[in-house]
């Protein structure tokens, strides 16, 4: 099974909260023997107050499923 979570936050005041949520999800999955990755994306400097940004967590049963999910996601984003 592979799953992903997207956390939307605004600016520097919520940046650390978004990172902690997604990292916590990956850590919990790791403790269950799964693999995962947490990363962020933003359109402008995340240090500016009020700028929308996103933090992501992707969790899978094994490394191959994780890589496949990330490849599919990148193809979808390119099509948009």
PDB file of N, CA and C in Angstrom:
ATOM      1  N   UNK A   1       0.824  -1.174   0.000  1.00  0.00           N
ATOM      2  CA  UNK A   1       0.000   0.000   0.000  1.00  0.00           C
ATOM      3  C   UNK A   1       0.877   1.248   0.000  1.00  0.00           C
ATOM      4  N   UNK A   2       0.501   2.227  -0.779  1.00  0.00           N
ATOM      5  CA  UNK A   2       1.207   3.495  -0.830  1.00  0.00           C
ATOM      6  C   UNK A   2       0.212   4.616  -0.573  1.00  0.00           C
ATOM      7  N   UNK A   3       0.607   5.589   0.236  1.00  0.00           N
ATOM      8  CA  UNK A   3      -0.274   6.711   0.519  1.00  0.00           C
ATOM      9  C   UNK A   3       0.508   7.996   0.588  1.00  0.00           C
ATOM     10  N   UNK A   4      -0.201   9.099   0.393  1.00  0.00           N
ATOM     11  CA  UNK A   4       0.460  10.401   0.466  1.00  0.00           C
ATOM     12  C   UNK A   4      -0.447  11.406   1.164  1.00  0.00           C
ATOM     13  N   UNK A   5       0.194  12.395   1.783  1.00  0.00           N
ATOM     14  CA  UNK A   5      -0.503  13.452   2.498  1.00  0.00           C
ATOM     15  C   UNK A   5       0.067  14.779   2.032  1.00  0.00           C
ATOM     16  N   UNK A   6      -0.798  15.757   1.849  1.00  0.00           N
ATOM     17  CA  UNK A   6      -0.395  17.104   1.448  1.00  0.00           C
ATOM     18  C   UNK A   6      -0.860  18.081   2.526  1.00  0.00           C
ATOM     19  N   UNK A   7       0.073  18.829   3.101  1.00  0.00           N
ATOM     20  CA  UNK A   7      -0.243  19.815   4.130  1.00  0.00           C
ATOM     21  C   UNK A   7      -0.008  21.201   3.529  1.00  0.00           C
ATOM     22  N   UNK A   8      -1.038  22.020   3.502  1.00  0.00           N
ATOM     23  CA  UNK A   8      -0.929  23.375   2.973  1.00  0.00           C
ATOM     24  C   UNK A   8      -0.767  24.334   4.144  1.00  0.00           C
ATOM     25  N   UNK A   9       0.239  25.192   4.048  1.00  0.00           N
ATOM     26  CA  UNK A   9       0.469  26.172   5.111  1.00  0.00           C
ATOM     27  C   UNK A   9       0.808  27.524   4.482  1.00  0.00           C
ATOM     28  N   UNK A  10       0.874  28.549   5.314  1.00  0.00           N
ATOM     29  CA  UNK A  10       1.161  29.906   4.825  1.00  0.00           C
ATOM     30  C   UNK A  10       2.326  30.519   5.590  1.00  0.00           C
ATOM     31  N   UNK A  11       3.391  30.822   4.866  1.00  0.00           N
ATOM     32  CA  UNK A  11       4.499  31.602   5.396  1.00  0.00           C
ATOM     33  C   UNK A  11       5.299  30.949   6.493  1.00  0.00           C
ATOM     34  N   UNK A  12       6.200  31.720   7.035  1.00  0.00           N
ATOM     35  CA  UNK A  12       7.179  31.218   7.996  1.00  0.00           C
ATOM     36  C   UNK A  12       6.555  30.770   9.313  1.00  0.00           C
ATOM     37  N   UNK A  13       5.450  31.366   9.698  1.00  0.00           N
ATOM     38  CA  UNK A  13       4.861  31.020  10.990  1.00  0.00           C
ATOM     39  C   UNK A  13       4.302  29.603  11.018  1.00  0.00           C
ATOM     40  N   UNK A  14       3.895  29.080   9.884  1.00  0.00           N
ATOM     41  CA  UNK A  14       3.361  27.725   9.826  1.00  0.00           C
ATOM     42  C   UNK A  14       4.316  26.737   9.166  1.00  0.00           C
ATOM     43  N   UNK A  15       5.464  27.222   8.690  1.00  0.00           N
ATOM     44  CA  UNK A  15       6.423  26.359   7.982  1.00  0.00           C
ATOM     45  C   UNK A  15       6.855  25.174   8.834  1.00  0.00           C
ATOM     46  N   UNK A  16       7.266  25.444  10.068  1.00  0.00           N
ATOM     47  CA  UNK A  16       7.756  24.370  10.928  1.00  0.00           C
ATOM     48  C   UNK A  16       6.641  23.405  11.308  1.00  0.00           C
ATOM     49  N   UNK A  17       5.443  23.894  11.469  1.00  0.00           N
ATOM     50  CA  UNK A  17       4.306  23.023  11.774  1.00  0.00           C
ATOM     51  C   UNK A  17       4.057  22.053  10.616  1.00  0.00           C
ATOM     52  N   UNK A  18       4.040  22.557   9.391  1.00  0.00           N
ATOM     53  CA  UNK A  18       3.845  21.698   8.215  1.00  0.00           C
ATOM     54  C   UNK A  18       4.933  20.645   8.099  1.00  0.00           C
ATOM     55  N   UNK A  19       6.177  21.038   8.329  1.00  0.00           N
ATOM     56  CA  UNK A  19       7.295  20.089   8.272  1.00  0.00           C
ATOM     57  C   UNK A  19       7.177  19.033   9.358  1.00  0.00           C
ATOM     58  N   UNK A  20       6.810  19.435  10.556  1.00  0.00           N
ATOM     59  CA  UNK A  20       6.709  18.481  11.666  1.00  0.00           C
ATOM     60  C   UNK A  20       5.583  17.482  11.448  1.00  0.00           C
ATOM     61  N   UNK A  21       4.494  17.924  10.864  1.00  0.00           N
ATOM     62  CA  UNK A  21       3.377  17.007  10.591  1.00  0.00           C
ATOM     63  C   UNK A  21       3.813  15.940   9.603  1.00  0.00           C
ATOM     64  N   UNK A  22       4.402  16.351   8.478  1.00  0.00           N
ATOM     65  CA  UNK A  22       4.777  15.365   7.448  1.00  0.00           C
ATOM     66  C   UNK A  22       5.939  14.492   7.917  1.00  0.00           C
ATOM     67  N   UNK A  23       6.899  15.057   8.621  1.00  0.00           N
ATOM     68  CA  UNK A  23       8.002  14.235   9.147  1.00  0.00           C
ATOM     69  C   UNK A  23       7.500  13.243  10.188  1.00  0.00           C
ATOM     70  N   UNK A  24       6.524  13.661  10.983  1.00  0.00           N
ATOM     71  CA  UNK A  24       5.941  12.757  11.975  1.00  0.00           C
ATOM     72  C   UNK A  24       5.236  11.579  11.332  1.00  0.00           C
ATOM     73  N   UNK A  25       4.567  11.827  10.218  1.00  0.00           N
ATOM     74  CA  UNK A  25       3.906  10.740   9.488  1.00  0.00           C
ATOM     75  C   UNK A  25       4.934   9.747   8.973  1.00  0.00           C
ATOM     76  N   UNK A  26       6.027  10.251   8.398  1.00  0.00           N
ATOM     77  CA  UNK A  26       7.081   9.371   7.875  1.00  0.00           C
ATOM     78  C   UNK A  26       7.749   8.609   9.017  1.00  0.00           C
ATOM     79  N   UNK A  27       7.999   9.264  10.134  1.00  0.00           N
ATOM     80  CA  UNK A  27       8.612   8.588  11.282  1.00  0.00           C
ATOM     81  C   UNK A  27       7.711   7.473  11.811  1.00  0.00           C
ATOM     82  N   UNK A  28       6.413   7.726  11.913  1.00  0.00           N
ATOM     83  CA  UNK A  28       5.474   6.705  12.380  1.00  0.00           C
ATOM     84  C   UNK A  28       5.459   5.508  11.427  1.00  0.00           C
ATOM     85  N   UNK A  29       5.508   5.788  10.129  1.00  0.00           N
ATOM     86  CA  UNK A  29       5.547   4.696   9.145  1.00  0.00           C
ATOM     87  C   UNK A  29       6.840   3.902   9.282  1.00  0.00           C
ATOM     88  N   UNK A  30       7.961   4.607   9.485  1.00  0.00           N
ATOM     89  CA  UNK A  30       9.249   3.943   9.638  1.00  0.00           C
ATOM     90  C   UNK A  30       9.240   2.994  10.839  1.00  0.00           C
ATOM     91  N   UNK A  31       8.587   3.414  11.926  1.00  0.00           N
ATOM     92  CA  UNK A  31       8.495   2.568  13.118  1.00  0.00           C
ATOM     93  C   UNK A  31       7.657   1.319  12.863  1.00  0.00           C
ATOM     94  N   UNK A  32       6.791   1.372  11.844  1.00  0.00           N
ATOM     95  CA  UNK A  32       5.990   0.207  11.464  1.00  0.00           C
ATOM     96  C   UNK A  32       6.679  -0.640  10.401  1.00  0.00           C
ATOM     97  N   UNK A  33       7.906  -0.289  10.034  1.00  0.00           N
ATOM     98  CA  UNK A  33       8.656  -1.061   9.047  1.00  0.00           C
ATOM     99  C   UNK A  33       8.421  -0.637   7.611  1.00  0.00           C
ATOM    100  N   UNK A  34       7.837   0.508   7.408  1.00  0.00           N
ATOM    101  CA  UNK A  34       7.584   1.009   6.058  1.00  0.00           C
ATOM    102  C   UNK A  34       8.653   2.042   5.691  1.00  0.00           C
ATOM    103  N   UNK A  35       8.627   2.506   4.450  1.00  0.00           N
ATOM    104  CA  UNK A  35       9.544   3.558   4.012  1.00  0.00           C
ATOM    105  C   UNK A  35       8.742   4.791   3.650  1.00  0.00           C
ATOM    106  N   UNK A  36       9.394   5.956   3.685  1.00  0.00           N
ATOM    107  CA  UNK A  36       8.680   7.177   3.341  1.00  0.00           C
ATOM    108  C   UNK A  36       9.623   8.329   3.088  1.00  0.00           C
ATOM    109  N   UNK A  37       9.058   9.402   2.602  1.00  0.00           N
ATOM    110  CA  UNK A  37       9.816  10.611   2.331  1.00  0.00           C
ATOM    111  C   UNK A  37       8.926  11.815   2.626  1.00  0.00           C
ATOM    112  N   UNK A  38       9.560  12.869   3.110  1.00  0.00           N
ATOM    113  CA  UNK A  38       8.862  14.123   3.387  1.00  0.00           C
ATOM    114  C   UNK A  38       9.600  15.229   2.654  1.00  0.00           C
ATOM    115  N   UNK A  39       8.858  16.093   1.981  1.00  0.00           N
ATOM    116  CA  UNK A  39       9.487  17.190   1.252  1.00  0.00           C
ATOM    117  C   UNK A  39       8.511  18.344   1.121  1.00  0.00           C
ATOM    118  N   UNK A  40       9.024  19.513   0.788  1.00  0.00           N
ATOM    119  CA  UNK A  40       8.206  20.710   0.670  1.00  0.00           C
ATOM    120  C   UNK A  40       8.269  21.313  -0.712  1.00  0.00           C
ATOM    121  N   UNK A  41       7.298  22.186  -1.009  1.00  0.00           N
ATOM    122  CA  UNK A  41       7.259  22.882  -2.286  1.00  0.00           C
ATOM    123  C   UNK A  41       6.610  24.242  -2.061  1.00  0.00           C
ATOM    124  N   UNK A  42       7.157  25.266  -2.703  1.00  0.00           N
ATOM    125  CA  UNK A  42       6.589  26.599  -2.578  1.00  0.00           C
ATOM    126  C   UNK A  42       6.873  27.389  -3.841  1.00  0.00           C
ATOM    127  N   UNK A  43       6.024  28.373  -4.120  1.00  0.00           N
ATOM    128  CA  UNK A  43       6.153  29.171  -5.326  1.00  0.00           C
ATOM    129  C   UNK A  43       6.985  30.421  -5.127  1.00  0.00           C
ATOM    130  N   UNK A  44       7.109  30.862  -3.897  1.00  0.00           N
ATOM    131  CA  UNK A  44       7.871  32.059  -3.569  1.00  0.00           C
ATOM    132  C   UNK A  44       8.650  31.750  -2.295  1.00  0.00           C
ATOM    133  N   UNK A  45       9.411  32.665  -1.811  1.00  0.00           N
ATOM    134  CA  UNK A  45      10.199  32.438  -0.610  1.00  0.00           C
ATOM    135  C   UNK A  45       9.291  32.064   0.567  1.00  0.00           C
ATOM    136  N   UNK A  46       9.516  30.891   1.192  1.00  0.00           N
ATOM    137  CA  UNK A  46       8.658  30.481   2.312  1.00  0.00           C
ATOM    138  C   UNK A  46       8.864  31.337   3.554  1.00  0.00           C
ATOM    139  N   UNK A  47       9.912  32.157   3.577  1.00  0.00           N
ATOM    140  CA  UNK A  47      10.151  33.034   4.714  1.00  0.00           C
ATOM    141  C   UNK A  47       9.237  34.254   4.694  1.00  0.00           C
ATOM    142  N   UNK A  48       8.592  34.530   3.568  1.00  0.00           N
ATOM    143  CA  UNK A  48       7.671  35.657   3.501  1.00  0.00           C
ATOM    144  C   UNK A  48       6.360  35.270   4.169  1.00  0.00           C
ATOM    145  N   UNK A  49       5.824  36.132   4.972  1.00  0.00           N
ATOM    146  CA  UNK A  49       4.597  35.848   5.701  1.00  0.00           C
ATOM    147  C   UNK A  49       3.399  35.806   4.752  1.00  0.00           C
ATOM    148  N   UNK A  50       2.572  34.790   4.885  1.00  0.00           N
ATOM    149  CA  UNK A  50       1.342  34.685   4.119  1.00  0.00           C
ATOM    150  C   UNK A  50       1.466  34.003   2.772  1.00  0.00           C
ATOM    151  N   UNK A  51       2.665  33.611   2.357  1.00  0.00           N
ATOM    152  CA  UNK A  51       2.853  32.952   1.065  1.00  0.00           C
ATOM    153  C   UNK A  51       2.428  31.487   1.202  1.00  0.00           C
ATOM    154  N   UNK A  52       1.501  31.004   0.354  1.00  0.00           N
ATOM    155  CA  UNK A  52       1.084  29.610   0.458  1.00  0.00           C
ATOM    156  C   UNK A  52       2.201  28.657   0.036  1.00  0.00           C
ATOM    157  N   UNK A  53       2.304  27.560   0.745  1.00  0.00           N
ATOM    158  CA  UNK A  53       3.300  26.530   0.453  1.00  0.00           C
ATOM    159  C   UNK A  53       2.726  25.175   0.844  1.00  0.00           C
ATOM    160  N   UNK A  54       3.406  24.108   0.438  1.00  0.00           N
ATOM    161  CA  UNK A  54       2.930  22.754   0.740  1.00  0.00           C
ATOM    162  C   UNK A  54       4.076  21.897   1.247  1.00  0.00           C
ATOM    163  N   UNK A  55       3.736  20.989   2.115  1.00  0.00           N
ATOM    164  CA  UNK A  55       4.662  19.979   2.593  1.00  0.00           C
ATOM    165  C   UNK A  55       3.997  18.629   2.336  1.00  0.00           C
ATOM    166  N   UNK A  56       4.773  17.660   1.875  1.00  0.00           N
ATOM    167  CA  UNK A  56       4.225  16.367   1.479  1.00  0.00           C
ATOM    168  C   UNK A  56       4.867  15.241   2.271  1.00  0.00           C
ATOM    169  N   UNK A  57       4.103  14.179   2.493  1.00  0.00           N
ATOM    170  CA  UNK A  57       4.625  12.928   3.044  1.00  0.00           C
ATOM    171  C   UNK A  57       4.113  11.805   2.161  1.00  0.00           C
ATOM    172  N   UNK A  58       5.018  10.935   1.741  1.00  0.00           N
ATOM    173  CA  UNK A  58       4.650   9.761   0.941  1.00  0.00           C
ATOM    174  C   UNK A  58       5.180   8.546   1.671  1.00  0.00           C
ATOM    175  N   UNK A  59       4.321   7.559   1.883  1.00  0.00           N
ATOM    176  CA  UNK A  59       4.671   6.359   2.634  1.00  0.00           C
ATOM    177  C   UNK A  59       4.303   5.137   1.804  1.00  0.00           C
ATOM    178  N   UNK A  60       5.177   4.119   1.839  1.00  0.00           N
ATOM    179  CA  UNK A  60       4.920   2.882   1.087  1.00  0.00           C
ATOM    180  C   UNK A  60       5.455   1.684   1.868  1.00  0.00           C
ATOM    181  N   UNK A  61       5.030   0.502   1.445  1.00  0.00           N
ATOM    182  CA  UNK A  61       5.486  -0.728   2.093  1.00  0.00           C
ATOM    183  C   UNK A  61       6.951  -1.023   1.792  1.00  0.00           C
ATOM    184  N   UNK A  62       7.423  -0.644   0.589  1.00  0.00           N
ATOM    185  CA  UNK A  62       8.814  -0.905   0.222  1.00  0.00           C
ATOM    186  C   UNK A  62       9.319   0.207  -0.697  1.00  0.00           C
ATOM    187  N   UNK A  63      10.618   0.206  -0.926  1.00  0.00           N
ATOM    188  CA  UNK A  63      11.276   1.256  -1.699  1.00  0.00           C
ATOM    189  C   UNK A  63      10.787   1.312  -3.150  1.00  0.00           C
ATOM    190  N   UNK A  64      10.523   0.145  -3.739  1.00  0.00           N
ATOM    191  CA  UNK A  64      10.066   0.120  -5.139  1.00  0.00           C
ATOM    192  C   UNK A  64       8.698   0.792  -5.293  1.00  0.00           C
ATOM    193  N   UNK A  65       7.788   0.504  -4.371  1.00  0.00           N
ATOM    194  CA  UNK A  65       6.464   1.134  -4.421  1.00  0.00           C
ATOM    195  C   UNK A  65       6.563   2.647  -4.211  1.00  0.00           C
ATOM    196  N   UNK A  66       7.456   3.053  -3.304  1.00  0.00           N
ATOM    197  CA  UNK A  66       7.650   4.480  -3.048  1.00  0.00           C
ATOM    198  C   UNK A  66       8.151   5.186  -4.307  1.00  0.00           C
ATOM    199  N   UNK A  67       9.165   4.625  -4.953  1.00  0.00           N
ATOM    200  CA  UNK A  67       9.715   5.235  -6.166  1.00  0.00           C
ATOM    201  C   UNK A  67       8.674   5.269  -7.285  1.00  0.00           C
ATOM    202  N   UNK A  68       7.887   4.212  -7.410  1.00  0.00           N
ATOM    203  CA  UNK A  68       6.845   4.179  -8.444  1.00  0.00           C
ATOM    204  C   UNK A  68       5.801   5.266  -8.187  1.00  0.00           C
ATOM    205  N   UNK A  69       5.405   5.448  -6.946  1.00  0.00           N
ATOM    206  CA  UNK A  69       4.416   6.474  -6.599  1.00  0.00           C
ATOM    207  C   UNK A  69       4.952   7.872  -6.896  1.00  0.00           C
ATOM    208  N   UNK A  70       6.224   8.100  -6.579  1.00  0.00           N
ATOM    209  CA  UNK A  70       6.825   9.410  -6.842  1.00  0.00           C
ATOM    210  C   UNK A  70       6.946   9.675  -8.339  1.00  0.00           C
ATOM    211  N   UNK A  71       7.260   8.658  -9.134  1.00  0.00           N
ATOM    212  CA  UNK A  71       7.342   8.828 -10.595  1.00  0.00           C
ATOM    213  C   UNK A  71       5.977   9.137 -11.179  1.00  0.00           C
ATOM    214  N   UNK A  72       4.945   8.459 -10.716  1.00  0.00           N
ATOM    215  CA  UNK A  72       3.585   8.711 -11.217  1.00  0.00           C
ATOM    216  C   UNK A  72       3.156  10.121 -10.860  1.00  0.00           C
ATOM    217  N   UNK A  73       3.440  10.565  -9.639  1.00  0.00           N
ATOM    218  CA  UNK A  73       3.088  11.907  -9.204  1.00  0.00           C
ATOM    219  C   UNK A  73       3.770  12.975 -10.031  1.00  0.00           C
ATOM    220  N   UNK A  74       5.037  12.759 -10.382  1.00  0.00           N
ATOM    221  CA  UNK A  74       5.746  13.769 -11.167  1.00  0.00           C
ATOM    222  C   UNK A  74       5.196  13.837 -12.585  1.00  0.00           C
ATOM    223  N   UNK A  75       4.740  12.719 -13.132  1.00  0.00           N
ATOM    224  CA  UNK A  75       4.138  12.727 -14.464  1.00  0.00           C
ATOM    225  C   UNK A  75       2.814  13.480 -14.455  1.00  0.00           C
ATOM    226  N   UNK A  76       2.026  13.308 -13.388  1.00  0.00           N
ATOM    227  CA  UNK A  76       0.747  13.996 -13.279  1.00  0.00           C
ATOM    228  C   UNK A  76       0.965  15.501 -13.195  1.00  0.00           C
ATOM    229  N   UNK A  77       1.951  15.927 -12.413  1.00  0.00           N
ATOM    230  CA  UNK A  77       2.213  17.359 -12.263  1.00  0.00           C
ATOM    231  C   UNK A  77       2.676  17.976 -13.563  1.00  0.00           C
ATOM    232  N   UNK A  78       3.439  17.245 -14.370  1.00  0.00           N
ATOM    233  CA  UNK A  78       3.897  17.779 -15.647  1.00  0.00           C
ATOM    234  C   UNK A  78       2.750  17.956 -16.623  1.00  0.00           C
ATOM    235  N   UNK A  79       1.716  17.127 -16.508  1.00  0.00           N
ATOM    236  CA  UNK A  79       0.581  17.208 -17.423  1.00  0.00           C
ATOM    237  C   UNK A  79      -0.313  18.387 -17.108  1.00  0.00           C
ATOM    238  N   UNK A  80      -0.294  18.885 -15.904  1.00  0.00           N
ATOM    239  CA  UNK A  80      -1.185  19.988 -15.511  1.00  0.00           C
ATOM    240  C   UNK A  80      -0.766  21.297 -16.115  1.00  0.00           C
TER     241      UNK A  80
END
